[in-house]
């Protein structure tokens, strides 16, 4: 059985893809890529912090 963290991560990635398509349609590719990069950075930082708290890393 996987932890709920994996379910949250997969849902977040689906929402991120939908938001990315919407951003490309509204603002163009460079701004969409920039927003994805910002989101991925925050996700990475939160993931590392979560892992440290749970004692994974």
N, C-alpha and C. Protein backbone atom coordinates (compact mmCIF):
# COMPACT_ATOMS: atom_id res chain seq x y z
N UNK A 1 0.84 -1.20 0.00
CA UNK A 1 0.00 0.00 0.00
C UNK A 1 0.88 1.25 0.00
N UNK A 2 0.62 2.13 -0.94
CA UNK A 2 1.43 3.35 -1.02
C UNK A 2 0.92 4.40 -0.04
N UNK A 3 1.83 5.30 0.32
CA UNK A 3 1.45 6.36 1.24
C UNK A 3 0.56 7.38 0.53
N UNK A 4 -0.23 8.12 1.29
CA UNK A 4 -1.10 9.13 0.67
C UNK A 4 -0.31 10.22 -0.05
N UNK A 5 0.96 10.36 0.30
CA UNK A 5 1.81 11.36 -0.36
C UNK A 5 1.87 11.11 -1.86
N UNK A 6 1.92 9.82 -2.28
CA UNK A 6 1.98 9.50 -3.71
C UNK A 6 0.70 9.89 -4.42
N UNK A 7 -0.44 9.70 -3.75
CA UNK A 7 -1.71 10.09 -4.36
C UNK A 7 -1.78 11.59 -4.53
N UNK A 8 -1.32 12.34 -3.51
CA UNK A 8 -1.31 13.81 -3.60
C UNK A 8 -0.39 14.25 -4.73
N UNK A 9 0.78 13.61 -4.85
CA UNK A 9 1.73 13.99 -5.90
C UNK A 9 1.16 13.72 -7.29
N UNK A 10 0.48 12.59 -7.47
CA UNK A 10 -0.06 12.28 -8.80
C UNK A 10 -1.22 13.23 -9.15
N UNK A 11 -2.06 13.55 -8.18
CA UNK A 11 -3.13 14.52 -8.42
C UNK A 11 -2.55 15.88 -8.77
N UNK A 12 -1.51 16.29 -8.05
CA UNK A 12 -0.89 17.59 -8.30
C UNK A 12 -0.29 17.63 -9.70
N UNK A 13 0.30 16.53 -10.15
CA UNK A 13 0.91 16.53 -11.49
C UNK A 13 -0.17 16.62 -12.58
N UNK A 14 -1.33 15.98 -12.36
CA UNK A 14 -2.42 16.08 -13.32
C UNK A 14 -2.92 17.52 -13.40
N UNK A 15 -3.12 18.16 -12.22
CA UNK A 15 -3.57 19.55 -12.21
C UNK A 15 -2.53 20.46 -12.85
N UNK A 16 -1.24 20.14 -12.64
CA UNK A 16 -0.18 20.96 -13.20
C UNK A 16 -0.19 20.88 -14.73
N UNK A 17 -0.43 19.68 -15.27
CA UNK A 17 -0.52 19.54 -16.72
C UNK A 17 -1.70 20.32 -17.29
N UNK A 18 -2.84 20.26 -16.62
CA UNK A 18 -4.01 21.02 -17.08
C UNK A 18 -3.74 22.51 -17.03
N UNK A 19 -3.12 22.97 -15.94
CA UNK A 19 -2.81 24.39 -15.82
C UNK A 19 -1.79 24.81 -16.87
N UNK A 20 -0.84 23.90 -17.19
CA UNK A 20 0.17 24.20 -18.19
C UNK A 20 -0.49 24.41 -19.56
N UNK A 21 -1.41 23.52 -19.93
CA UNK A 21 -2.13 23.67 -21.21
C UNK A 21 -2.89 24.99 -21.25
N UNK A 22 -3.54 25.33 -20.14
CA UNK A 22 -4.30 26.57 -20.06
C UNK A 22 -3.37 27.78 -20.20
N UNK A 23 -2.20 27.73 -19.55
CA UNK A 23 -1.24 28.84 -19.62
C UNK A 23 -0.71 29.01 -21.04
N UNK A 24 -0.42 27.90 -21.72
CA UNK A 24 0.07 27.99 -23.10
C UNK A 24 -0.98 28.66 -23.97
N UNK A 25 -2.24 28.28 -23.75
CA UNK A 25 -3.33 28.84 -24.56
C UNK A 25 -3.48 30.35 -24.29
N UNK A 26 -3.35 30.75 -23.02
CA UNK A 26 -3.63 32.14 -22.66
C UNK A 26 -2.42 33.07 -22.80
N UNK A 27 -1.23 32.58 -22.41
CA UNK A 27 -0.07 33.47 -22.28
C UNK A 27 1.08 33.13 -23.22
N UNK A 28 1.07 31.94 -23.82
CA UNK A 28 2.20 31.52 -24.63
C UNK A 28 3.14 30.61 -23.86
N UNK A 29 4.06 29.98 -24.60
CA UNK A 29 4.91 28.94 -24.03
C UNK A 29 5.92 29.44 -23.00
N UNK A 30 6.64 30.55 -23.21
CA UNK A 30 7.68 30.93 -22.23
C UNK A 30 7.14 31.17 -20.83
N UNK A 31 5.99 31.86 -20.72
CA UNK A 31 5.42 32.13 -19.39
C UNK A 31 4.92 30.84 -18.76
N UNK A 32 4.36 29.94 -19.58
CA UNK A 32 3.88 28.66 -19.06
C UNK A 32 5.05 27.84 -18.51
N UNK A 33 6.17 27.81 -19.24
CA UNK A 33 7.34 27.07 -18.77
C UNK A 33 7.89 27.68 -17.49
N UNK A 34 7.85 29.00 -17.41
CA UNK A 34 8.34 29.67 -16.21
C UNK A 34 7.49 29.30 -14.99
N UNK A 35 6.16 29.28 -15.17
CA UNK A 35 5.29 28.93 -14.04
C UNK A 35 5.47 27.48 -13.63
N UNK A 36 5.71 26.60 -14.60
CA UNK A 36 5.96 25.19 -14.27
C UNK A 36 7.27 25.05 -13.50
N UNK A 37 8.30 25.81 -13.92
CA UNK A 37 9.59 25.75 -13.23
C UNK A 37 9.46 26.22 -11.79
N UNK A 38 8.69 27.30 -11.58
CA UNK A 38 8.48 27.80 -10.22
C UNK A 38 7.73 26.76 -9.38
N UNK A 39 6.69 26.16 -9.97
CA UNK A 39 5.92 25.15 -9.26
C UNK A 39 6.75 23.92 -8.92
N UNK A 40 7.60 23.51 -9.87
CA UNK A 40 8.45 22.33 -9.63
C UNK A 40 9.47 22.61 -8.53
N UNK A 41 10.00 23.83 -8.51
CA UNK A 41 10.96 24.18 -7.47
C UNK A 41 10.32 24.13 -6.10
N UNK A 42 9.13 24.73 -5.98
CA UNK A 42 8.42 24.69 -4.70
C UNK A 42 8.08 23.26 -4.31
N UNK A 43 7.67 22.46 -5.28
CA UNK A 43 7.34 21.06 -5.00
C UNK A 43 8.54 20.28 -4.51
N UNK A 44 9.70 20.55 -5.13
CA UNK A 44 10.93 19.87 -4.72
C UNK A 44 11.31 20.25 -3.29
N UNK A 45 11.24 21.56 -2.99
CA UNK A 45 11.59 22.03 -1.65
C UNK A 45 10.64 21.42 -0.61
N UNK A 46 9.33 21.44 -0.91
CA UNK A 46 8.36 20.87 0.03
C UNK A 46 8.56 19.36 0.17
N UNK A 47 8.88 18.69 -0.94
CA UNK A 47 9.12 17.25 -0.88
C UNK A 47 10.32 16.90 -0.02
N UNK A 48 11.40 17.68 -0.15
CA UNK A 48 12.59 17.43 0.65
C UNK A 48 12.30 17.69 2.13
N UNK A 49 11.60 18.79 2.41
CA UNK A 49 11.25 19.09 3.80
C UNK A 49 10.37 17.99 4.39
N UNK A 50 9.38 17.54 3.61
CA UNK A 50 8.50 16.46 4.06
C UNK A 50 9.31 15.19 4.33
N UNK A 51 10.25 14.89 3.42
CA UNK A 51 11.08 13.71 3.61
C UNK A 51 11.95 13.81 4.84
N UNK A 52 12.49 14.99 5.12
CA UNK A 52 13.31 15.18 6.31
C UNK A 52 12.48 15.01 7.58
N UNK A 53 11.26 15.56 7.55
CA UNK A 53 10.39 15.45 8.72
C UNK A 53 10.03 13.99 8.97
N UNK A 54 9.73 13.26 7.89
CA UNK A 54 9.34 11.86 8.03
C UNK A 54 10.53 10.93 8.20
N UNK A 55 11.75 11.47 8.01
CA UNK A 55 12.95 10.67 8.19
C UNK A 55 13.24 9.75 7.02
N UNK A 56 12.85 10.17 5.79
CA UNK A 56 13.10 9.33 4.62
C UNK A 56 14.54 9.50 4.14
N UNK A 57 15.00 10.77 4.07
CA UNK A 57 16.33 11.04 3.55
C UNK A 57 17.35 11.12 4.67
